Protein backbone atom coordinates (compact mmCIF):
# COMPACT_ATOMS: atom_id res chain seq x y z
CA MET A 1 11.67 6.54 -3.76
CA LYS A 2 8.82 4.53 -5.26
CA THR A 3 5.58 4.35 -3.28
CA LEU A 4 2.57 2.06 -3.47
CA ARG A 5 0.75 4.96 -5.12
CA ASP A 6 3.07 4.74 -8.17
CA VAL A 7 2.55 1.02 -8.82
CA PRO A 8 0.35 0.17 -11.84
CA CYS A 9 -2.45 -2.43 -11.71
CA GLY A 10 -1.45 -6.07 -11.85
CA GLN A 11 1.97 -5.74 -10.24
CA THR A 12 3.25 -7.30 -7.06
CA VAL A 13 5.72 -5.29 -4.99
CA LYS A 14 7.55 -5.69 -1.69
CA VAL A 15 7.19 -3.15 1.12
CA THR A 16 10.57 -1.65 2.07
CA LYS A 17 9.60 1.12 4.51
CA LEU A 18 6.63 2.81 6.14
CA GLU A 19 6.66 6.59 6.29
CA GLY A 20 4.38 8.59 8.54
CA GLU A 21 4.29 8.59 12.29
CA GLY A 22 2.23 7.67 15.32
CA PRO A 23 -1.38 6.59 14.83
CA VAL A 24 -1.27 6.71 11.02
CA LYS A 25 1.73 4.36 10.79
CA ARG A 26 0.19 2.13 13.46
CA ARG A 27 -3.08 1.88 11.48
CA ILE A 28 -1.24 0.86 8.31
CA MET A 29 0.69 -1.79 10.26
CA ASP A 30 -2.53 -3.04 11.87
CA MET A 31 -3.92 -3.63 8.36
CA GLY A 32 -1.09 -6.10 7.78
CA ILE A 33 1.19 -3.87 5.74
CA THR A 34 4.62 -4.26 7.31
CA LYS A 35 8.19 -4.20 6.04
CA GLY A 36 8.98 -7.18 3.79
CA VAL A 37 5.37 -8.14 2.98
CA GLU A 38 4.30 -8.60 -0.65
CA VAL A 39 1.45 -6.44 -1.92
CA TYR A 40 -0.45 -7.09 -5.16
CA VAL A 41 -2.13 -4.03 -6.71
CA ARG A 42 -5.56 -5.18 -7.96
CA LYS A 43 -7.26 -1.97 -9.04
CA VAL A 44 -6.75 1.77 -9.04
CA ALA A 45 -9.86 3.95 -9.20
CA PRO A 46 -10.09 6.33 -12.20
CA LEU A 47 -9.08 9.33 -10.10
CA GLY A 48 -6.48 7.32 -8.19
CA ASP A 49 -8.43 7.08 -4.96
CA PRO A 50 -8.78 4.44 -3.53
CA VAL A 51 -6.16 1.86 -4.47
CA GLU A 52 -7.31 -1.75 -4.06
CA VAL A 53 -4.61 -4.22 -3.03
CA THR A 54 -4.28 -7.81 -1.89
CA VAL A 55 -2.04 -8.30 1.15
CA ARG A 56 -1.62 -11.45 3.27
CA GLY A 57 -4.48 -13.13 1.43
CA TYR A 58 -7.14 -10.46 1.86
CA GLU A 59 -8.32 -7.47 -0.12
CA LEU A 60 -7.82 -3.98 1.16
CA SER A 61 -8.68 -0.51 -0.10
CA LEU A 62 -6.22 2.26 0.72
CA ARG A 63 -6.61 5.99 0.37
CA LYS A 64 -4.16 7.74 -1.92
CA ALA A 65 -2.61 9.55 1.06
CA ASP A 66 -1.99 6.24 2.86
CA ALA A 67 -0.56 4.57 -0.26
CA GLU A 68 1.97 7.42 -0.57
CA MET A 69 3.37 6.53 2.87
CA ILE A 70 4.29 2.98 1.83
CA ALA A 71 7.71 2.69 0.13
CA VAL A 72 8.02 -0.34 -2.17
CA GLU A 73 10.46 -2.04 -4.53
C-alpha cells in the first residue's frame, strides 16, 4: 500500500483510504483530507518531516506520522 509519505515532490495523488482511528482520523478528515480528494505534494522537508501539500485549494503541513495514515494511488 502506498501512503502520502511515499509520494515524491511535485506529484498529485488521489486519497483511497484513511488509516488510524478515533480522534486522529477525525482530525485528518477535518483538515479536508477525505477519500477521493486529490492531494498535490509541494515540498518534503530534508528529514521528511513535515510534508507540505495542497488540498482543496489550500496549503497544509502534515507530520510524517499523519502522512503515513493516508493511503493514496
